[in-house]
Amino acid sequence: MQQLLSKDDVTRLLETPSDGVRIDTAEKVSLAYSSQTLNADQRAIAEEVFRLLVTDQSKAVRESISENLKSSETLPHDLAVKLANDIDDSVAVPMLQCSQVLNDEDLIEIVQNMAGERMAAIAGRPQVSEDVSGELLERGDENVAVRLIR
């Protein structure tokens, strides 16, 4: 069974909470989480770590989590939504392009409230429902329509 974080990891995080250390921690926890080798208690701990890190002030930390978890089918819905609605496109776009945890209601709400790169990210998903497509065509620009057709 894979260890989530070692004592040294926790000590380093507490003593030197720099962006780099938080990114390393996020990547380590994300890799363990994605490996599907964690037991239920370890998964719950990892999810709580993610809930803390998705509110991190550092965009780089949030980007790391989004990029590492964008394809996770077991990511809790609230975390996927939080990342998809992040203030920074570089955090939101990976989730919008890839996450199957996001449902049509989530995507439609984002289309209705966001513009530009986020709409293009949703239009570029492998599968887009008729309802989401309709919203994209109604609210998006020509580039969004072209991407949706592709």
Protein backbone atom coordinates (compact mmCIF):
# COMPACT_ATOMS: atom_id res chain seq x y z
CA MET A 1 0.00 0.00 0.00
CA GLN A 2 1.36 3.38 -1.01
CA GLN A 3 2.13 5.91 1.71
CA LEU A 4 0.34 9.22 1.25
CA LEU A 5 2.89 11.49 2.93
CA SER A 6 5.94 10.64 4.97
CA LYS A 7 6.85 12.28 8.26
CA ASP A 8 9.61 14.13 6.37
CA ASP A 9 7.06 15.47 3.87
CA VAL A 10 4.89 16.83 6.66
CA THR A 11 7.87 18.32 8.49
CA ARG A 12 9.10 20.00 5.31
CA LEU A 13 5.63 21.38 4.63
CA LEU A 14 5.37 22.81 8.15
CA GLU A 15 8.90 24.22 8.28
CA THR A 16 9.17 25.49 4.70
CA PRO A 17 5.68 26.14 3.33
CA SER A 18 6.98 27.63 0.07
CA ASP A 19 5.11 27.34 -3.24
CA GLY A 20 7.57 24.68 -4.35
CA VAL A 21 7.03 22.54 -1.26
CA ARG A 22 3.24 22.89 -1.54
CA ILE A 23 3.41 21.96 -5.24
CA ASP A 24 5.54 18.91 -4.42
CA THR A 25 3.04 17.92 -1.75
CA ALA A 26 0.10 18.42 -4.12
CA GLU A 27 1.80 16.30 -6.79
CA LYS A 28 2.69 13.52 -4.36
CA VAL A 29 -0.83 13.33 -2.94
CA SER A 30 -2.35 13.55 -6.45
CA LEU A 31 -0.20 10.70 -7.74
CA ALA A 32 -1.07 8.50 -4.76
CA TYR A 33 -4.77 9.37 -5.15
CA SER A 34 -4.76 8.63 -8.88
CA SER A 35 -2.97 5.32 -8.38
CA GLN A 36 -6.15 3.79 -6.91
CA THR A 37 -4.03 2.03 -4.25
CA LEU A 38 -5.21 4.06 -1.28
CA ASN A 39 -7.65 2.62 1.21
CA ALA A 40 -10.83 4.51 2.12
CA ASP A 41 -9.23 6.34 5.05
CA GLN A 42 -6.22 7.41 2.98
CA ARG A 43 -8.52 8.60 0.16
CA ALA A 44 -10.47 10.70 2.66
CA ILE A 45 -7.24 12.25 3.96
CA ALA A 46 -6.08 13.00 0.39
CA GLU A 47 -9.42 14.65 -0.39
CA GLU A 48 -9.10 16.86 2.69
CA VAL A 49 -5.58 17.84 1.60
CA PHE A 50 -7.02 18.77 -1.82
CA ARG A 51 -9.79 20.81 -0.18
CA LEU A 52 -7.11 22.84 1.59
CA LEU A 53 -4.88 23.22 -1.45
CA VAL A 54 -7.62 24.26 -3.91
CA THR A 55 -7.96 27.44 -1.85
CA ASP A 56 -4.21 28.11 -1.88
CA GLN A 57 -3.19 31.65 -2.83
CA SER A 58 -0.59 30.31 -5.21
CA LYS A 59 -1.96 29.76 -8.70
CA ALA A 60 0.86 27.27 -9.33
CA VAL A 61 -0.33 25.04 -6.48
CA ARG A 62 -3.91 25.06 -7.79
CA GLU A 63 -2.67 24.44 -11.35
CA SER A 64 -0.75 21.40 -10.14
CA ILE A 65 -3.84 19.92 -8.52
CA SER A 66 -6.03 20.62 -11.54
CA GLU A 67 -3.55 19.17 -14.00
CA ASN A 68 -2.89 16.06 -11.89
CA LEU A 69 -6.56 15.34 -11.15
CA LYS A 70 -8.26 16.40 -14.38
CA SER A 71 -8.81 12.78 -15.48
CA SER A 72 -9.72 11.34 -12.09
CA GLU A 73 -13.08 9.61 -12.20
CA THR A 74 -13.21 9.39 -8.41
CA LEU A 75 -12.51 13.04 -7.59
CA PRO A 76 -15.33 14.36 -5.39
CA HIS A 77 -17.75 16.56 -7.31
CA ASP A 78 -17.23 19.58 -5.04
CA LEU A 79 -13.49 19.60 -5.77
CA ALA A 80 -13.99 19.32 -9.54
CA VAL A 81 -16.49 22.20 -9.45
CA LYS A 82 -14.18 24.34 -7.30
CA LEU A 83 -11.28 23.84 -9.72
CA ALA A 84 -13.50 24.38 -12.79
CA ASN A 85 -14.67 27.70 -11.34
CA ASP A 86 -11.23 28.90 -10.24
CA ILE A 87 -10.47 32.57 -10.83
CA ASP A 88 -7.52 31.62 -13.08
CA ASP A 89 -8.15 30.06 -16.51
CA SER A 90 -4.94 28.04 -16.19
CA VAL A 91 -6.50 26.21 -13.23
CA ALA A 92 -10.04 25.90 -14.62
CA VAL A 93 -9.30 24.87 -18.22
CA PRO A 94 -7.79 21.40 -17.54
CA MET A 95 -10.87 20.45 -15.50
CA LEU A 96 -13.25 21.89 -18.08
CA GLN A 97 -11.55 20.02 -20.91
CA CYS A 98 -11.22 16.64 -19.23
CA SER A 99 -13.15 16.05 -16.02
CA GLN A 100 -15.97 13.54 -16.37
CA VAL A 101 -16.99 14.38 -12.80
CA LEU A 102 -18.51 17.64 -14.04
CA ASN A 103 -22.10 17.20 -15.18
CA ASP A 104 -24.15 19.10 -17.76
CA GLU A 105 -25.59 21.43 -15.09
CA ASP A 106 -22.07 22.39 -13.99
CA LEU A 107 -20.94 23.02 -17.56
CA ILE A 108 -24.04 25.01 -18.52
CA GLU A 109 -23.66 27.22 -15.45
CA ILE A 110 -20.04 27.92 -16.37
CA VAL A 111 -21.00 28.70 -19.99
CA GLN A 112 -23.68 31.10 -18.75
CA ASN A 113 -21.29 32.91 -16.40
CA MET A 114 -17.88 32.72 -18.09
CA ALA A 115 -16.51 33.49 -21.51
CA GLY A 116 -13.59 32.97 -23.81
CA GLU A 117 -11.10 30.26 -23.02
CA ARG A 118 -13.46 28.43 -20.69
CA MET A 119 -16.16 28.08 -23.33
CA ALA A 120 -13.54 26.89 -25.81
CA ALA A 121 -12.31 24.32 -23.25
CA ILE A 122 -15.83 22.95 -22.79
CA ALA A 123 -16.39 22.92 -26.57
CA GLY A 124 -13.20 20.87 -26.93
CA ARG A 125 -14.30 18.09 -24.58
CA PRO A 126 -14.38 14.59 -26.14
CA GLN A 127 -18.17 14.53 -25.74
CA VAL A 128 -20.52 17.48 -25.35
CA SER A 129 -24.23 16.94 -24.75
CA GLU A 130 -26.91 18.57 -26.85
CA ASP A 131 -27.89 20.88 -23.96
CA VAL A 132 -24.33 22.07 -23.38
CA SER A 133 -23.76 22.44 -27.13
CA GLY A 134 -26.86 24.62 -27.40
CA GLU A 135 -25.62 26.93 -24.66
CA LEU A 136 -22.18 27.14 -26.26
CA LEU A 137 -23.65 28.00 -29.66
CA GLU A 138 -26.00 30.57 -28.14
CA ARG A 139 -23.41 32.34 -25.99
CA GLY A 140 -20.08 31.58 -27.61
CA ASP A 141 -18.28 33.19 -30.49
CA GLU A 142 -17.24 31.77 -33.85
CA ASN A 143 -14.12 30.14 -32.39
CA VAL A 144 -16.22 28.26 -29.83
CA ALA A 145 -18.59 27.05 -32.57
CA VAL A 146 -15.69 25.85 -34.74
CA ARG A 147 -14.11 24.00 -31.82
CA LEU A 148 -17.43 22.40 -30.93
CA ILE A 149 -17.87 21.12 -34.48
CA ARG A 150 -14.39 19.62 -34.52
